[in-house]
Amino acid sequence: MRICFQASDFDGPGAYRCGFLAAELLKRGHDCTIPPYVQTEGPDGRPRFIYDLKTVPPSPDADIYVAQMRKEPHAAEAFAQLGQWFGKVVVAECDDDYVNIPSYNAGYKGALQVRHHLFDGFLNSAAMTVSTPALAEVYARYNPDITVLRNYLDWPMWEDVPQQSEVDRAGRVRVGWMGRLAWR
């Protein structure tokens, strides 16, 4: 079985919702691919690496496609075609609540413009994965087959991080961030 991960980004969620999962599946003998990314400009003007469905459309050589937070206007149609024309399984993946975004959120306006494309993708997918039971409830109206895959840290990647000294522990708190770089 060949699994193709079509992550929406190269950093943050794309890494830990697709990249880490693909690496673990490869260790267990599965055939996984993550297509090449292209550099584009993000909404903040900074470079961003994404898998662009228009530049490199999904080819029908995988059995399962994991569509991680694909919000492009044509994404839902592309994945529906994979399922209908080629008999492939498409699994939508999302670890954010695009239904209940508060207006104070930095991504609120942008999310309002694209979330209907994301929801169309959920409706056109055979199944869906989310990071929490609460998200499973939120998205139940868009897909009846939802599995919770919790976020996690890939602890080996943190082995080389220096431990805090006793002085640091007494006066400072160290906070890690595994989200999108654009929101740092």
C-alpha atoms as a PDB file:
ATOM      1  CA  MET A   1       0.000   0.000   0.000  1.00  0.00           C
ATOM      2  CA  ARG A   2       1.369   3.410  -0.965  1.00  0.00           C
ATOM      3  CA  ILE A   3       0.445   6.490   1.070  1.00  0.00           C
ATOM      4  CA  CYS A   4       0.946  10.021  -0.259  1.00  0.00           C
ATOM      5  CA  PHE A   5       0.908  12.847   2.295  1.00  0.00           C
ATOM      6  CA  GLN A   6      -0.208  16.170   0.817  1.00  0.00           C
ATOM      7  CA  ALA A   7       0.597  18.546   3.655  1.00  0.00           C
ATOM      8  CA  SER A   8      -0.456  22.172   3.480  1.00  0.00           C
ATOM      9  CA  ASP A   9       2.877  23.453   4.741  1.00  0.00           C
ATOM     10  CA  PHE A  10       6.480  22.481   5.355  1.00  0.00           C
ATOM     11  CA  ASP A  11       6.673  23.746   8.914  1.00  0.00           C
ATOM     12  CA  GLY A  12       4.489  23.236  11.970  1.00  0.00           C
ATOM     13  CA  PRO A  13       1.408  21.102  11.338  1.00  0.00           C
ATOM     14  CA  GLY A  14       2.700  19.716   8.049  1.00  0.00           C
ATOM     15  CA  ALA A  15       5.738  18.366   9.867  1.00  0.00           C
ATOM     16  CA  TYR A  16       4.073  16.797  12.864  1.00  0.00           C
ATOM     17  CA  ARG A  17       0.748  15.795  11.271  1.00  0.00           C
ATOM     18  CA  CYS A  18       2.294  14.335   8.080  1.00  0.00           C
ATOM     19  CA  GLY A  19       6.096  14.266   8.166  1.00  0.00           C
ATOM     20  CA  PHE A  20       6.470  12.544  11.539  1.00  0.00           C
ATOM     21  CA  LEU A  21       3.665  10.129  10.681  1.00  0.00           C
ATOM     22  CA  ALA A  22       5.210   9.264   7.304  1.00  0.00           C
ATOM     23  CA  ALA A  23       8.593   8.678   8.963  1.00  0.00           C
ATOM     24  CA  GLU A  24       7.027   6.306  11.488  1.00  0.00           C
ATOM     25  CA  LEU A  25       5.102   4.428   8.784  1.00  0.00           C
ATOM     26  CA  LEU A  26       8.305   4.104   6.714  1.00  0.00           C
ATOM     27  CA  LYS A  27      10.043   2.518   9.734  1.00  0.00           C
ATOM     28  CA  ARG A  28       7.216  -0.011   9.852  1.00  0.00           C
ATOM     29  CA  GLY A  29       7.651  -0.956   6.200  1.00  0.00           C
ATOM     30  CA  HIS A  30       4.985   1.164   4.511  1.00  0.00           C
ATOM     31  CA  ASP A  31       5.602   2.996   1.239  1.00  0.00           C
ATOM     32  CA  CYS A  32       5.084   6.707   1.985  1.00  0.00           C
ATOM     33  CA  THR A  33       5.756   9.776  -0.094  1.00  0.00           C
ATOM     34  CA  ILE A  34       5.593  13.492   0.492  1.00  0.00           C
ATOM     35  CA  PRO A  35       5.667  15.347  -2.850  1.00  0.00           C
ATOM     36  CA  PRO A  36       8.181  18.150  -3.402  1.00  0.00           C
ATOM     37  CA  TYR A  37       7.344  21.560  -2.045  1.00  0.00           C
ATOM     38  CA  VAL A  38       7.584  24.854  -3.885  1.00  0.00           C
ATOM     39  CA  GLN A  39       8.580  28.198  -2.428  1.00  0.00           C
ATOM     40  CA  THR A  40       5.890  30.840  -2.497  1.00  0.00           C
ATOM     41  CA  GLU A  41       5.132  34.050  -0.654  1.00  0.00           C
ATOM     42  CA  GLY A  42       2.946  33.825   2.432  1.00  0.00           C
ATOM     43  CA  PRO A  43       0.225  36.335   3.347  1.00  0.00           C
ATOM     44  CA  ASP A  44       2.773  38.136   5.524  1.00  0.00           C
ATOM     45  CA  GLY A  45       5.176  38.539   2.572  1.00  0.00           C
ATOM     46  CA  ARG A  46       7.715  36.041   3.932  1.00  0.00           C
ATOM     47  CA  PRO A  47       8.798  32.954   1.969  1.00  0.00           C
ATOM     48  CA  ARG A  48       6.698  29.871   2.577  1.00  0.00           C
ATOM     49  CA  PHE A  49       7.182  26.309   1.405  1.00  0.00           C
ATOM     50  CA  ILE A  50       4.003  24.527   0.365  1.00  0.00           C
ATOM     51  CA  TYR A  51       2.899  21.600  -1.719  1.00  0.00           C
ATOM     52  CA  ASP A  52       1.084  23.397  -4.526  1.00  0.00           C
ATOM     53  CA  LEU A  53      -1.702  21.284  -6.052  1.00  0.00           C
ATOM     54  CA  LYS A  54      -1.818  23.495  -9.161  1.00  0.00           C
ATOM     55  CA  THR A  55       1.928  23.273  -9.824  1.00  0.00           C
ATOM     56  CA  VAL A  56       2.266  19.569  -9.012  1.00  0.00           C
ATOM     57  CA  PRO A  57      -1.194  17.948  -9.156  1.00  0.00           C
ATOM     58  CA  PRO A  58      -1.644  14.660  -7.298  1.00  0.00           C
ATOM     59  CA  SER A  59      -0.836  11.693  -9.487  1.00  0.00           C
ATOM     60  CA  PRO A  60      -2.890   8.515  -9.193  1.00  0.00           C
ATOM     61  CA  ASP A  61       0.074   6.317  -8.212  1.00  0.00           C
ATOM     62  CA  ALA A  62      -0.722   6.108  -4.462  1.00  0.00           C
ATOM     63  CA  ASP A  63      -3.497   4.090  -2.845  1.00  0.00           C
ATOM     64  CA  ILE A  64      -4.210   6.531  -0.014  1.00  0.00           C
ATOM     65  CA  TYR A  65      -3.871  10.316  -0.056  1.00  0.00           C
ATOM     66  CA  VAL A  66      -3.723  12.268   3.200  1.00  0.00           C
ATOM     67  CA  ALA A  67      -4.888  15.822   2.484  1.00  0.00           C
ATOM     68  CA  GLN A  68      -3.659  17.929   5.394  1.00  0.00           C
ATOM     69  CA  MET A  69      -5.566  21.217   5.723  1.00  0.00           C
ATOM     70  CA  ARG A  70      -5.872  21.846   1.973  1.00  0.00           C
ATOM     71  CA  LYS A  71      -7.690  25.156   1.539  1.00  0.00           C
ATOM     72  CA  GLU A  72      -7.115  25.921  -2.136  1.00  0.00           C
ATOM     73  CA  PRO A  73     -10.254  26.473  -4.245  1.00  0.00           C
ATOM     74  CA  HIS A  74      -9.451  23.441  -6.407  1.00  0.00           C
ATOM     75  CA  ALA A  75      -8.301  21.040  -3.652  1.00  0.00           C
ATOM     76  CA  ALA A  76     -11.684  19.454  -2.899  1.00  0.00           C
ATOM     77  CA  GLU A  77     -12.275  18.801  -6.601  1.00  0.00           C
ATOM     78  CA  ALA A  78      -8.800  17.293  -7.054  1.00  0.00           C
ATOM     79  CA  PHE A  79      -9.305  14.869  -4.192  1.00  0.00           C
ATOM     80  CA  ALA A  80     -12.879  14.040  -5.229  1.00  0.00           C
ATOM     81  CA  GLN A  81     -11.535  13.110  -8.666  1.00  0.00           C
ATOM     82  CA  LEU A  82      -8.894  10.859  -7.126  1.00  0.00           C
ATOM     83  CA  GLY A  83     -11.667   9.004  -5.344  1.00  0.00           C
ATOM     84  CA  GLN A  84     -14.248   8.940  -8.127  1.00  0.00           C
ATOM     85  CA  TRP A  85     -12.052   8.531 -11.216  1.00  0.00           C
ATOM     86  CA  PHE A  86      -9.212   6.441  -9.841  1.00  0.00           C
ATOM     87  CA  GLY A  87     -10.832   4.683  -6.880  1.00  0.00           C
ATOM     88  CA  LYS A  88      -8.273   6.086  -4.424  1.00  0.00           C
ATOM     89  CA  VAL A  89      -8.914   6.714  -0.733  1.00  0.00           C
ATOM     90  CA  VAL A  90      -8.577  10.325   0.389  1.00  0.00           C
ATOM     91  CA  VAL A  91      -8.244  11.082   4.098  1.00  0.00           C
ATOM     92  CA  ALA A  92      -8.757  14.707   5.139  1.00  0.00           C
ATOM     93  CA  GLU A  93      -6.577  15.861   8.021  1.00  0.00           C
ATOM     94  CA  CYS A  94      -7.083  18.894  10.261  1.00  0.00           C
ATOM     95  CA  ASP A  95      -5.859  19.883  13.711  1.00  0.00           C
ATOM     96  CA  ASP A  96      -7.466  23.330  13.904  1.00  0.00           C
ATOM     97  CA  ASP A  97     -11.051  24.428  14.531  1.00  0.00           C
ATOM     98  CA  TYR A  98     -12.060  26.409  11.448  1.00  0.00           C
ATOM     99  CA  VAL A  99     -15.732  26.390  12.464  1.00  0.00           C
ATOM    100  CA  ASN A 100     -15.368  28.361  15.712  1.00  0.00           C
ATOM    101  CA  ILE A 101     -12.530  30.809  15.014  1.00  0.00           C
ATOM    102  CA  PRO A 102     -12.682  33.789  17.387  1.00  0.00           C
ATOM    103  CA  SER A 103     -12.509  37.193  15.716  1.00  0.00           C
ATOM    104  CA  TYR A 104      -9.435  38.171  17.778  1.00  0.00           C
ATOM    105  CA  ASN A 105      -7.395  35.327  16.223  1.00  0.00           C
ATOM    106  CA  ALA A 106      -4.598  36.601  13.955  1.00  0.00           C
ATOM    107  CA  GLY A 107      -5.729  34.252  11.184  1.00  0.00           C
ATOM    108  CA  TYR A 108      -9.459  35.022  11.458  1.00  0.00           C
ATOM    109  CA  LYS A 109      -9.971  37.067   8.267  1.00  0.00           C
ATOM    110  CA  GLY A 110      -7.849  34.780   6.110  1.00  0.00           C
ATOM    111  CA  ALA A 111      -9.539  31.677   7.482  1.00  0.00           C
ATOM    112  CA  LEU A 112     -13.012  33.044   6.726  1.00  0.00           C
ATOM    113  CA  GLN A 113     -12.024  33.449   3.078  1.00  0.00           C
ATOM    114  CA  VAL A 114     -10.814  29.863   2.597  1.00  0.00           C
ATOM    115  CA  ARG A 115     -12.514  27.631   5.131  1.00  0.00           C
ATOM    116  CA  HIS A 116     -15.393  26.674   2.819  1.00  0.00           C
ATOM    117  CA  HIS A 117     -12.788  25.072   0.505  1.00  0.00           C
ATOM    118  CA  LEU A 118     -11.467  23.128   3.486  1.00  0.00           C
ATOM    119  CA  PHE A 119     -14.982  21.994   4.436  1.00  0.00           C
ATOM    120  CA  ASP A 120     -15.667  20.897   0.836  1.00  0.00           C
ATOM    121  CA  GLY A 121     -12.544  18.757   1.060  1.00  0.00           C
ATOM    122  CA  PHE A 122     -13.826  17.140   4.261  1.00  0.00           C
ATOM    123  CA  LEU A 123     -17.134  16.337   2.553  1.00  0.00           C
ATOM    124  CA  ASN A 124     -15.349  14.792  -0.464  1.00  0.00           C
ATOM    125  CA  SER A 125     -13.024  12.584   1.615  1.00  0.00           C
ATOM    126  CA  ALA A 126     -13.546   8.952   2.549  1.00  0.00           C
ATOM    127  CA  ALA A 127     -12.369   9.585   6.130  1.00  0.00           C
ATOM    128  CA  MET A 128     -10.855  12.244   8.332  1.00  0.00           C
ATOM    129  CA  THR A 129      -8.266  12.581  11.107  1.00  0.00           C
ATOM    130  CA  VAL A 130      -8.236  15.272  13.781  1.00  0.00           C
ATOM    131  CA  SER A 131      -6.080  15.911  16.853  1.00  0.00           C
ATOM    132  CA  THR A 132      -8.714  15.946  19.625  1.00  0.00           C
ATOM    133  CA  PRO A 133     -12.122  14.476  20.473  1.00  0.00           C
ATOM    134  CA  ALA A 134     -13.521  18.041  20.535  1.00  0.00           C
ATOM    135  CA  LEU A 135     -12.465  18.532  16.896  1.00  0.00           C
ATOM    136  CA  ALA A 136     -14.074  15.193  16.015  1.00  0.00           C
ATOM    137  CA  GLU A 137     -17.355  16.596  17.359  1.00  0.00           C
ATOM    138  CA  VAL A 138     -16.933  19.909  15.498  1.00  0.00           C
ATOM    139  CA  TYR A 139     -16.295  18.186  12.150  1.00  0.00           C
ATOM    140  CA  ALA A 140     -18.781  15.310  12.512  1.00  0.00           C
ATOM    141  CA  ARG A 141     -21.227  17.130  10.215  1.00  0.00           C
ATOM    142  CA  TYR A 142     -18.612  17.166   7.425  1.00  0.00           C
ATOM    143  CA  ASN A 143     -17.454  13.546   7.579  1.00  0.00           C
ATOM    144  CA  PRO A 144     -18.954  10.544   9.393  1.00  0.00           C
ATOM    145  CA  ASP A 145     -15.655   8.591   9.596  1.00  0.00           C
ATOM    146  CA  ILE A 146     -13.341  10.556  11.910  1.00  0.00           C
ATOM    147  CA  THR A 147     -10.334   9.178  13.801  1.00  0.00           C
ATOM    148  CA  VAL A 148      -8.528  11.096  16.535  1.00  0.00           C
ATOM    149  CA  LEU A 149      -4.727  11.094  16.076  1.00  0.00           C
ATOM    150  CA  ARG A 150      -3.333  13.193  18.905  1.00  0.00           C
ATOM    151  CA  ASN A 151      -0.432  15.585  18.370  1.00  0.00           C
ATOM    152  CA  TYR A 152       2.842  14.508  19.893  1.00  0.00           C
ATOM    153  CA  LEU A 153       6.453  15.541  20.138  1.00  0.00           C
ATOM    154  CA  ASP A 154       9.138  13.602  18.334  1.00  0.00           C
ATOM    155  CA  TRP A 155      11.379  13.344  21.403  1.00  0.00           C
ATOM    156  CA  PRO A 156      14.564  12.256  19.565  1.00  0.00           C
ATOM    157  CA  MET A 157      14.635  15.629  17.767  1.00  0.00           C
ATOM    158  CA  TRP A 158      14.991  17.321  21.186  1.00  0.00           C
ATOM    159  CA  GLU A 159      17.893  15.157  22.442  1.00  0.00           C
ATOM    160  CA  ASP A 160      20.542  17.767  21.545  1.00  0.00           C
ATOM    161  CA  VAL A 161      18.738  20.663  23.226  1.00  0.00           C
ATOM    162  CA  PRO A 162      20.805  21.720  26.259  1.00  0.00           C
ATOM    163  CA  GLN A 163      19.126  21.057  29.576  1.00  0.00           C
ATOM    164  CA  GLN A 164      18.358  24.088  31.698  1.00  0.00           C
ATOM    165  CA  SER A 165      20.755  24.698  34.554  1.00  0.00           C
ATOM    166  CA  GLU A 166      19.546  25.042  38.139  1.00  0.00           C
ATOM    167  CA  VAL A 167      19.897  28.829  37.770  1.00  0.00           C
ATOM    168  CA  ASP A 168      17.717  28.835  34.628  1.00  0.00           C
ATOM    169  CA  ARG A 169      15.081  26.678  36.277  1.00  0.00           C
ATOM    170  CA  ALA A 170      14.836  29.055  39.217  1.00  0.00           C
ATOM    171  CA  GLY A 171      14.399  32.252  37.225  1.00  0.00           C
ATOM    172  CA  ARG A 172      13.068  31.463  33.768  1.00  0.00           C
ATOM    173  CA  VAL A 173      10.572  29.266  32.013  1.00  0.00           C
ATOM    174  CA  ARG A 174      11.431  27.631  28.682  1.00  0.00           C
ATOM    175  CA  VAL A 175       8.513  27.356  26.269  1.00  0.00           C
ATOM    176  CA  GLY A 176       8.633  25.314  23.065  1.00  0.00           C
ATOM    177  CA  TRP A 177       6.633  26.040  19.920  1.00  0.00           C
ATOM    178  CA  MET A 178       5.780  23.505  17.208  1.00  0.00           C
ATOM    179  CA  GLY A 179       3.220  25.580  15.317  1.00  0.00           C
ATOM    180  CA  ARG A 180       3.514  27.358  11.979  1.00  0.00           C
ATOM    181  CA  LEU A 181       6.517  29.607  11.727  1.00  0.00           C
ATOM    182  CA  ALA A 182       4.379  32.429  10.314  1.00  0.00           C
ATOM    183  CA  TRP A 183       2.562  32.726  13.672  1.00  0.00           C
ATOM    184  CA  ARG A 184       5.672  32.843  15.886  1.00  0.00           C
END
